[in-house]
Each structure stands twice: as C-alpha cells, then as structure tokens.
Amino acid sequence: MAARTRADGGRAPGTSVRLKLTLSYAGFLMLAGALLLGAVWVFLLRYVPDRALLLDADGTTPTGVFPVRSDLLRVFAPRAAVVMGFLLVFGLLGGWLLAGRMLAPLTVLTRATRRAADGSLSHRIRLPGRNDEFRELADAFDTMLARLEAHVAEQRRFAANASHELRTPLAVSKALLDVARTDPDRDTGEVIDRLHAVNTRAIELTEALLLLGRANQGTFAREAVDLSLLAEEAAETLLPLAERRGVTVETTGEVTPVNGSRALLLQLTTNLLHNAIVHNLPAGGTVRIDTTAREPEPGTTVLTVENTGGLLTAEQVPRLTEPFQRGTERLHAGDAGVGLGLAIVRTITEAHDGTLTLEPRAQGGLRVTVALPTADAS
C-alpha cells in the first residue's frame, strides 16, 4: 500500500506557539521576581549585621536584642517563596490568555489558508480592528486570493474558449470529408481548398496557443533589442495587408533599446499592427506607430499604436485583451486572425516586466501603449 504524503511534509508535531509564548511570559516574570529579590538582598539584607545588641546609655549593659540578618531571612524567605509561586501561576495563566488573544488573528489566517489550499478562493478574511502586522498580513492574503481567483477564472475561460475554437475547425473538416465521401460527384478541388483553409486556421491557432504558453512561462533568453526596428519590420511585413484594406501606416520614433526576446517582441509589435489594420475603417483608415524612450518617465521605452475605427465604449476596452474576444463578438473570418492577438500582447508585455494600456479614441478607434523598461546602456 502506497504511503500517504503528509500535509506537514513529514515533520513531527512540535510545541505550539501559544505554549512557547506562555512559558516565555512566565519565565520572564519569574526572572523579574528573582531580580527583585536579588536587589533586596544586595541593597538591604547584606547590610544587616549577623549579631547586634541594644545597650543602655552608658554602653555597658545589654538591654535587648536587635533583629539580625538570620532573623530577617527566616521571616522573609517563606514569604518570598509564596510570592514567587504566585508569580509563576500568574505568569502561566496570564501568559496563556494573553498569547491566545495575540494569536487569534493567526488562527483565522491559518483556517483561511487551509480553505485556499482545498481550492476555495472566494472567501476573504477581512480582519477587523486597527492596522497592525496581522492586519497587513490579512489584507495581503485577501489581495493574493483575489488575484488567484481572477487568474483561475481567466484560465478556465481560456481553456473553454480554446477548446471551442479548436473543436470548430475539426468539426468543419469532418463535415467536409463526410460531404466528399457521400457525394462523389462534388468538385474535389473546392473541398480541398476549404480543407486547406480550415487546416491553416487550426495550425495558426495551435501556434498562437503555443506562443501564449511560452510567453506565460517566461522561459526565454534576453538580449538587447531596438523596438523601433521591430516596428519598422512589422510595418513592412503587413504593408500588403494594409494596402489591400486601404489603410495608411505611419511609422515614427527613435532608437528604443530594451532587454527581451526579439522573437516575442516582434510578435507583440506585429500583433498590435495587425489588430490596428484589421479593426479599422472600411476605407481611408490610418495606423500610427511611434516609439520613444522618454515618456512617460525616464528609464521607460514606450511603443504606441493608434488607429482609426469604430467607436468603443469603456466597457468594451477591458475585454479586448481576453482570448478570442473583440468587444463582445467572436473572431472567425478573413484576416481577423484567431482571436489571440491582444491576449498574446498582454502576456508578452507582462513577461517583459512592462505595462499594457488600452484607451478608446474619442474620434473612434483605439490607442494601445506598451511601456517596457529601457535597456541598460552599459
């Protein structure tokens, strides 16, 4: 029978923190009491003589006995022992209660962590009270849970959409093959052309998914890359598409060195330009690409792609970076791609420690800004 993996990593159970704090409080209190008794001895009892007599006025006849050190110790020692015993009981009881009260937020955090480990990410701690170390930890944990929940939900949506998008070309291919088999007189050339188009789309989608996974993992070599040259290369590559759609592409900028993967950054630039060309005016549209190393702040390289097009609402823009989405519509036909363009852009940007900003233009269209750390000149 296979041995079970223990949740605690196989470690033997140890003493609880509450008990350790209790013993620490009690020990500190006992030490303080012992120091106090030691101070009494050092500064008081040691100066009391061992023997002393009271004499009369002429100094020759004893009239009584003065209390000496042994008498004081005999009276003081039992009472000191009682006080030390009281301090021990008081330290243990008070320390146990105080430690429990201090560690109560930690118990709440532990329960929340175990719930998260079991897969429940919807709960939040929302620790009450004033701001302290436990409150900061609880707030940080709530923030982490919110991000994890959003990430898991996004991954689930992505998996569902990817399954749907991959299933569609396979279903179309099966339907075309069924038609060709049941209708021998049908033009095979038409069937082959349609199968080729469907197969090409499936390959493009698979490659886009692989690229997205590669960017998500962040396992790529970094080198010095001039973003302005990549913008020019992307514009040259997509110029035939822009001319076919009647879109004018304008490229401006300066030398903008960044550290990253040339292939991924070229894919980022190409996706942005392709998206700006495809989602543009039916005729007479424009696309502007600009690179700068000065704005919005020193040490930041900015790539801006701005295009004309239809009006976009503030609700539509955040959804544009979701896989397989364009606002509220699906992408399926023509040069529109596989619906992963801006999703790949966002992932590549985050993998390069950058930020992606999408803003709708008042005249219609979209302005996309990618801010990346500038490469070290040294």
Protein backbone atom coordinates (compact mmCIF):
# COMPACT_ATOMS: atom_id res chain seq x y z
CA MET A 1 0.00 0.00 0.00
CA ALA A 2 1.44 3.34 -1.04
CA ALA A 3 2.35 5.65 1.78
CA ARG A 4 0.35 8.85 2.03
CA THR A 5 2.09 12.18 1.72
CA ARG A 6 1.62 14.16 4.90
CA ALA A 7 0.40 17.73 4.54
CA ASP A 8 3.05 18.87 7.03
CA GLY A 9 5.92 17.43 4.99
CA GLY A 10 6.51 14.52 7.44
CA ARG A 11 7.66 16.71 10.32
CA ALA A 12 6.99 15.53 13.86
CA PRO A 13 4.50 17.61 15.86
CA GLY A 14 6.15 20.33 17.93
CA THR A 15 5.25 22.63 20.78
CA SER A 16 2.57 25.15 19.95
CA VAL A 17 3.49 28.81 19.63
CA ARG A 18 0.90 29.67 22.27
CA LEU A 19 2.59 27.38 24.80
CA LYS A 20 6.01 28.77 23.89
CA LEU A 21 4.79 32.32 24.40
CA THR A 22 3.14 31.33 27.69
CA LEU A 23 6.35 29.80 29.01
CA SER A 24 8.26 32.84 27.81
CA TYR A 25 5.92 35.23 29.62
CA ALA A 26 6.04 33.14 32.81
CA GLY A 27 9.80 32.76 32.63
CA PHE A 28 10.27 36.48 32.12
CA LEU A 29 8.02 37.22 35.10
CA MET A 30 9.90 34.73 37.30
CA LEU A 31 13.20 36.28 36.22
CA ALA A 32 11.90 39.74 37.09
CA GLY A 33 10.82 38.47 40.54
CA ALA A 34 14.19 36.82 41.14
CA LEU A 35 15.97 40.02 40.17
CA LEU A 36 13.77 41.98 42.55
CA LEU A 37 14.57 39.60 45.43
CA GLY A 38 18.25 39.78 44.49
CA ALA A 39 18.08 43.56 44.64
CA VAL A 40 16.54 43.34 48.14
CA TRP A 41 19.42 41.13 49.23
CA VAL A 42 22.14 43.26 47.63
CA PHE A 43 20.86 46.64 48.72
CA LEU A 44 19.24 45.82 52.07
CA LEU A 45 19.79 42.49 53.84
CA ARG A 46 23.52 42.26 53.24
CA TYR A 47 23.99 45.39 55.34
CA VAL A 48 22.10 43.95 58.32
CA PRO A 49 24.62 42.53 60.89
CA ASP A 50 24.58 38.89 61.90
CA ARG A 51 24.74 39.85 65.62
CA ALA A 52 23.62 43.04 67.38
CA LEU A 53 22.81 44.05 70.99
CA LEU A 54 20.97 47.07 72.37
CA LEU A 55 22.98 48.70 75.21
CA ASP A 56 21.98 51.18 77.88
CA ALA A 57 23.05 54.81 77.98
CA ASP A 58 26.48 54.08 79.44
CA GLY A 59 27.10 51.48 76.75
CA THR A 60 27.96 48.59 79.07
CA THR A 61 24.71 46.83 79.95
CA PRO A 62 22.65 44.96 77.24
CA THR A 63 19.02 45.98 77.28
CA GLY A 64 17.71 43.87 74.35
CA VAL A 65 18.46 42.08 71.10
CA PHE A 66 18.28 43.87 67.68
CA PRO A 67 16.80 41.88 64.74
CA VAL A 68 19.73 40.39 62.79
CA ARG A 69 20.16 39.00 59.25
CA SER A 70 19.28 35.42 60.16
CA ASP A 71 16.02 36.53 61.78
CA LEU A 72 15.05 38.61 58.76
CA LEU A 73 15.90 35.78 56.34
CA ARG A 74 13.90 33.30 58.38
CA VAL A 75 10.84 35.55 58.13
CA PHE A 76 11.45 36.81 54.58
CA ALA A 77 12.31 33.53 52.79
CA PRO A 78 8.90 31.76 53.14
CA ARG A 79 7.03 34.86 52.05
CA ALA A 80 9.39 35.33 49.10
CA ALA A 81 8.72 31.72 48.07
CA VAL A 82 4.97 32.36 48.21
CA VAL A 83 5.39 35.47 46.06
CA MET A 84 7.48 33.55 43.52
CA GLY A 85 4.85 30.81 43.38
CA PHE A 86 2.15 33.40 42.83
CA LEU A 87 4.21 34.99 40.05
CA LEU A 88 4.62 31.57 38.40
CA VAL A 89 0.88 30.81 38.45
CA PHE A 90 0.02 34.36 37.40
CA GLY A 91 2.60 34.25 34.59
CA LEU A 92 1.35 30.92 33.24
CA LEU A 93 -2.34 31.83 33.39
CA GLY A 94 -1.93 35.40 32.19
CA GLY A 95 0.57 34.36 29.53
CA TRP A 96 -1.79 31.68 28.20
CA LEU A 97 -4.68 34.13 27.93
CA LEU A 98 -2.54 36.92 26.50
CA ALA A 99 -0.90 34.62 23.94
CA GLY A 100 -4.28 33.30 22.88
CA ARG A 101 -5.59 36.80 22.36
CA MET A 102 -2.49 37.87 20.44
CA LEU A 103 -2.51 34.77 18.22
CA ALA A 104 -6.25 34.81 17.46
CA PRO A 105 -5.74 36.58 14.08
CA LEU A 106 -3.12 33.95 13.19
CA THR A 107 -5.71 31.22 13.76
CA VAL A 108 -8.06 32.97 11.37
CA LEU A 109 -5.27 33.22 8.80
CA THR A 110 -4.47 29.52 9.21
CA ARG A 111 -8.08 28.49 8.60
CA ALA A 112 -8.26 30.74 5.54
CA THR A 113 -5.01 29.29 4.18
CA ARG A 114 -6.29 25.74 4.58
CA ARG A 115 -9.50 26.64 2.77
CA ALA A 116 -7.46 28.14 -0.05
CA ALA A 117 -5.31 25.00 -0.17
CA ASP A 118 -8.51 22.96 -0.57
CA GLY A 119 -9.43 25.02 -3.63
CA SER A 120 -11.77 27.62 -2.12
CA LEU A 121 -10.60 31.02 -3.37
CA SER A 122 -13.84 33.01 -3.00
CA HIS A 123 -13.61 33.65 0.75
CA ARG A 124 -11.89 36.68 2.28
CA ILE A 125 -10.54 37.23 5.81
CA ARG A 126 -11.39 40.94 6.17
CA LEU A 127 -9.71 41.09 9.57
CA PRO A 128 -11.33 43.78 11.75
CA GLY A 129 -9.52 46.21 14.01
CA ARG A 130 -6.80 48.79 13.60
CA ASN A 131 -3.87 48.42 11.28
CA ASP A 132 -1.04 46.26 12.63
CA GLU A 133 1.21 43.43 11.41
CA PHE A 134 -1.59 40.85 11.44
CA ARG A 135 -3.98 43.23 9.68
CA GLU A 136 -1.38 43.92 6.97
CA LEU A 137 -0.80 40.18 6.55
CA ALA A 138 -4.55 39.51 6.29
CA ASP A 139 -5.03 42.29 3.74
CA ALA A 140 -2.10 40.96 1.69
CA PHE A 141 -3.61 37.47 1.85
CA ASP A 142 -7.01 38.79 0.70
CA THR A 143 -5.32 40.55 -2.22
CA MET A 144 -3.50 37.35 -3.14
CA LEU A 145 -6.74 35.35 -3.02
CA ALA A 146 -8.48 37.90 -5.24
CA ARG A 147 -5.70 37.73 -7.82
CA LEU A 148 -5.60 33.94 -7.70
CA GLU A 149 -9.36 33.73 -8.11
CA ALA A 150 -9.25 36.09 -11.09
CA HIS A 151 -6.34 34.16 -12.61
CA VAL A 152 -8.06 30.79 -12.18
CA ALA A 153 -11.30 32.15 -13.64
CA GLU A 154 -9.37 33.57 -16.60
CA GLN A 155 -7.59 30.26 -17.15
CA ARG A 156 -10.89 28.39 -17.09
CA ARG A 157 -12.42 30.79 -19.61
CA PHE A 158 -9.35 30.48 -21.77
CA ALA A 159 -9.45 26.67 -21.66
CA ALA A 160 -13.15 26.65 -22.55
CA ASN A 161 -12.67 29.12 -25.40
CA ALA A 162 -9.58 27.31 -26.71
CA SER A 163 -11.45 24.00 -26.69
CA HIS A 164 -14.31 25.59 -28.60
CA GLU A 165 -12.01 27.25 -31.13
CA LEU A 166 -10.01 24.07 -31.71
CA ARG A 167 -13.13 21.96 -31.99
CA THR A 168 -14.63 24.20 -34.69
CA PRO A 169 -12.06 23.53 -37.47
CA LEU A 170 -12.06 19.83 -36.64
CA ALA A 171 -15.84 19.71 -36.92
CA VAL A 172 -15.73 21.62 -40.21
CA SER A 173 -13.07 19.26 -41.57
CA LYS A 174 -15.16 16.25 -40.61
CA ALA A 175 -18.21 17.74 -42.27
CA LEU A 176 -16.28 18.44 -45.50
CA LEU A 177 -14.89 14.92 -45.55
CA ASP A 178 -18.36 13.47 -44.97
CA VAL A 179 -19.70 15.53 -47.87
CA ALA A 180 -16.88 14.39 -50.15
CA ARG A 181 -17.47 10.77 -49.21
CA THR A 182 -21.25 10.83 -49.66
CA ASP A 183 -21.16 12.96 -52.82
CA PRO A 184 -18.54 11.52 -55.20
CA ASP A 185 -19.59 13.91 -57.98
CA ARG A 186 -18.75 17.00 -55.92
CA ASP A 187 -15.81 19.11 -57.08
CA THR A 188 -12.87 17.79 -55.05
CA GLY A 189 -10.88 20.92 -55.73
CA GLU A 190 -13.37 23.04 -53.79
CA VAL A 191 -13.33 20.58 -50.90
CA ILE A 192 -9.52 20.55 -50.85
CA ASP A 193 -9.38 24.35 -50.86
CA ARG A 194 -11.79 24.59 -47.96
CA LEU A 195 -9.95 21.86 -46.06
CA HIS A 196 -6.70 23.73 -46.65
CA ALA A 197 -8.18 26.95 -45.29
CA VAL A 198 -9.62 25.19 -42.23
CA ASN A 199 -6.36 23.34 -41.60
CA THR A 200 -4.37 26.58 -41.93
CA ARG A 201 -6.59 28.23 -39.33
CA ALA A 202 -6.16 25.29 -36.97
CA ILE A 203 -2.37 25.47 -37.36
CA GLU A 204 -2.35 29.22 -36.72
CA LEU A 205 -4.48 28.75 -33.62
CA THR A 206 -2.22 25.99 -32.30
CA GLU A 207 0.90 28.08 -32.90
CA ALA A 208 -0.73 31.04 -31.16
CA LEU A 209 -1.58 28.87 -28.15
CA LEU A 210 1.99 27.57 -28.00
CA LEU A 211 3.35 31.12 -28.22
CA LEU A 212 0.99 32.22 -25.44
CA GLY A 213 2.17 29.35 -23.25
CA ARG A 214 5.82 30.17 -23.94
CA ALA A 215 5.32 33.81 -23.02
CA ASN A 216 3.42 32.83 -19.87
CA GLN A 217 6.29 30.65 -18.69
CA GLY A 218 8.83 33.43 -19.20
CA THR A 219 11.49 30.91 -20.29
CA PHE A 220 13.28 32.88 -22.97
CA ALA A 221 16.72 34.38 -23.45
CA ARG A 222 17.00 38.16 -23.14
CA GLU A 223 19.09 40.32 -25.42
CA ALA A 224 19.32 43.98 -26.39
CA VAL A 225 16.56 44.77 -28.93
CA ASP A 226 15.77 48.03 -30.70
CA LEU A 227 11.98 48.32 -30.57
CA SER A 228 11.93 50.93 -33.34
CA LEU A 229 13.49 48.45 -35.79
CA LEU A 230 10.89 45.85 -34.85
CA ALA A 231 8.12 48.38 -35.52
CA GLU A 232 9.57 49.06 -38.99
CA GLU A 233 9.90 45.34 -39.71
CA ALA A 234 6.31 44.66 -38.66
CA ALA A 235 5.06 47.57 -40.78
CA GLU A 236 6.95 46.28 -43.82
CA THR A 237 5.62 42.76 -43.33
CA LEU A 238 1.98 43.87 -43.03
CA LEU A 239 2.12 46.56 -45.72
CA PRO A 240 0.39 44.35 -48.33
CA LEU A 241 -2.49 43.72 -45.90
CA ALA A 242 -2.78 47.44 -45.19
CA GLU A 243 -2.81 48.30 -48.89
CA ARG A 244 -5.43 45.66 -49.58
CA ARG A 245 -7.66 47.19 -46.93
CA GLY A 246 -6.93 50.80 -47.87
CA VAL A 247 -5.19 51.62 -44.59
CA THR A 248 -2.26 54.02 -44.36
CA VAL A 249 0.52 53.04 -41.95
CA GLU A 250 2.73 55.78 -40.48
CA THR A 251 5.85 54.83 -38.52
CA THR A 252 7.78 57.35 -36.42
CA GLY A 253 10.10 57.20 -33.44
CA GLU A 254 13.65 56.98 -32.21
CA VAL A 255 16.11 54.33 -31.11
CA THR A 256 14.47 52.49 -28.21
CA PRO A 257 16.65 49.71 -26.72
CA VAL A 258 15.00 47.15 -24.44
CA ASN A 259 16.09 43.81 -22.97
CA GLY A 260 13.99 40.86 -24.06
CA SER A 261 13.25 38.22 -26.63
CA ARG A 262 13.47 39.57 -30.15
CA ALA A 263 11.03 36.96 -31.46
CA LEU A 264 8.44 37.66 -28.77
CA LEU A 265 8.74 41.45 -29.06
CA LEU A 266 8.44 41.21 -32.84
CA GLN A 267 5.31 39.10 -32.35
CA LEU A 268 3.97 41.74 -29.94
CA THR A 269 4.56 44.54 -32.45
CA THR A 270 3.14 42.52 -35.35
CA ASN A 271 0.02 41.61 -33.40
CA LEU A 272 -0.62 45.24 -32.45
CA LEU A 273 -0.19 46.42 -36.03
CA HIS A 274 -2.27 43.57 -37.46
CA ASN A 275 -5.06 44.30 -34.99
CA ALA A 276 -4.94 48.03 -35.85
CA ILE A 277 -5.16 47.31 -39.59
CA VAL A 278 -7.92 44.72 -39.43
CA HIS A 279 -10.15 46.60 -36.97
CA ASN A 280 -10.16 49.88 -38.85
CA LEU A 281 -12.41 51.88 -41.13
CA PRO A 282 -13.69 50.13 -44.27
CA ALA A 283 -11.65 52.58 -46.36
CA GLY A 284 -9.31 55.50 -45.76
CA GLY A 285 -8.20 54.35 -42.31
CA THR A 286 -4.86 55.16 -40.72
CA VAL A 287 -2.49 53.48 -38.28
CA ARG A 288 0.27 55.36 -36.44
CA ILE A 289 3.19 53.59 -34.77
CA ASP A 290 5.52 55.55 -32.53
CA THR A 291 8.43 54.52 -30.32
CA THR A 292 10.06 56.75 -27.72
CA ALA A 293 12.44 56.31 -24.80
CA ARG A 294 11.43 59.46 -22.89
CA GLU A 295 7.76 59.20 -22.00
CA PRO A 296 6.02 58.74 -19.65
CA GLU A 297 9.09 58.63 -17.39
CA PRO A 298 12.87 58.21 -17.66
CA GLY A 299 14.03 54.61 -17.96
CA THR A 300 10.89 53.58 -19.83
CA THR A 301 10.55 52.70 -23.50
CA VAL A 302 7.09 53.24 -24.95
CA LEU A 303 5.54 51.72 -28.07
CA THR A 304 2.28 53.38 -29.14
CA VAL A 305 -0.04 52.01 -31.84
CA GLU A 306 -3.04 54.20 -32.66
CA ASN A 307 -5.67 53.52 -35.30
CA THR A 308 -8.93 54.91 -36.61
CA GLY A 309 -12.05 52.80 -36.49
CA GLY A 310 -15.42 52.39 -34.86
CA LEU A 311 -16.34 53.86 -31.51
CA LEU A 312 -15.50 51.72 -28.50
CA THR A 313 -17.14 52.02 -25.10
CA ALA A 314 -15.31 51.98 -21.77
CA GLU A 315 -16.93 48.59 -21.05
CA GLN A 316 -15.60 47.01 -24.24
CA VAL A 317 -11.96 48.04 -23.92
CA PRO A 318 -11.02 45.86 -20.87
CA ARG A 319 -12.34 42.78 -22.70
CA LEU A 320 -10.17 43.32 -25.76
CA THR A 321 -7.20 41.51 -24.17
CA GLU A 322 -9.30 38.44 -23.35
CA PRO A 323 -8.65 35.45 -25.63
CA PHE A 324 -10.93 35.01 -28.65
CA GLN A 325 -12.76 38.26 -27.99
CA ARG A 326 -13.24 41.57 -29.79
CA GLY A 327 -15.51 43.56 -27.55
CA THR A 328 -18.47 41.23 -27.29
CA GLU A 329 -18.01 39.48 -30.63
CA ARG A 330 -16.15 36.38 -31.69
CA LEU A 331 -13.44 36.41 -34.32
CA HIS A 332 -13.76 33.89 -37.08
CA ALA A 333 -13.34 35.15 -40.62
CA GLY A 334 -10.93 36.65 -43.14
CA ASP A 335 -7.82 38.41 -41.90
CA ALA A 336 -9.17 38.76 -38.38
CA GLY A 337 -6.82 36.06 -37.07
CA VAL A 338 -7.55 33.56 -34.35
CA GLY A 339 -8.62 35.96 -31.61
CA LEU A 340 -5.47 35.75 -29.51
CA GLY A 341 -3.65 38.85 -30.77
CA LEU A 342 -4.08 41.23 -27.85
CA ALA A 343 -4.06 38.36 -25.35
CA ILE A 344 -0.58 37.44 -26.60
CA VAL A 345 0.43 41.12 -26.48
CA ARG A 346 -0.60 41.38 -22.85
CA THR A 347 1.21 38.17 -21.90
CA ILE A 348 4.44 39.16 -23.68
CA THR A 349 4.30 42.62 -22.09
CA GLU A 350 3.92 41.18 -18.60
CA ALA A 351 6.70 38.64 -19.27
CA HIS A 352 9.00 41.61 -20.05
CA ASP A 353 8.00 43.46 -16.84
CA GLY A 354 6.02 46.03 -18.80
CA THR A 355 2.54 47.51 -18.73
CA LEU A 356 -0.15 47.48 -21.40
CA THR A 357 -2.68 50.33 -21.63
CA LEU A 358 -5.71 50.44 -23.94
CA GLU A 359 -7.64 53.67 -24.44
CA PRO A 360 -10.59 54.31 -26.79
CA ARG A 361 -10.17 57.34 -29.04
CA ALA A 362 -12.90 59.95 -28.96
CA GLN A 363 -13.00 60.00 -32.79
CA GLY A 364 -13.17 56.20 -32.96
CA GLY A 365 -10.54 53.53 -32.89
CA LEU A 366 -8.05 52.56 -30.21
CA ARG A 367 -4.76 53.74 -28.73
CA VAL A 368 -2.55 50.96 -27.36
CA THR A 369 0.53 51.80 -25.27
CA VAL A 370 3.20 49.29 -24.28
CA ALA A 371 5.70 50.57 -21.67
CA LEU A 372 8.84 48.48 -21.19
CA PRO A 373 11.98 49.04 -19.11
CA THR A 374 14.73 50.65 -21.16
CA ALA A 375 17.85 48.51 -21.67
CA ASP A 376 20.89 49.45 -19.60
CA ALA A 377 23.20 51.49 -21.82
CA SER A 378 26.23 49.98 -20.18
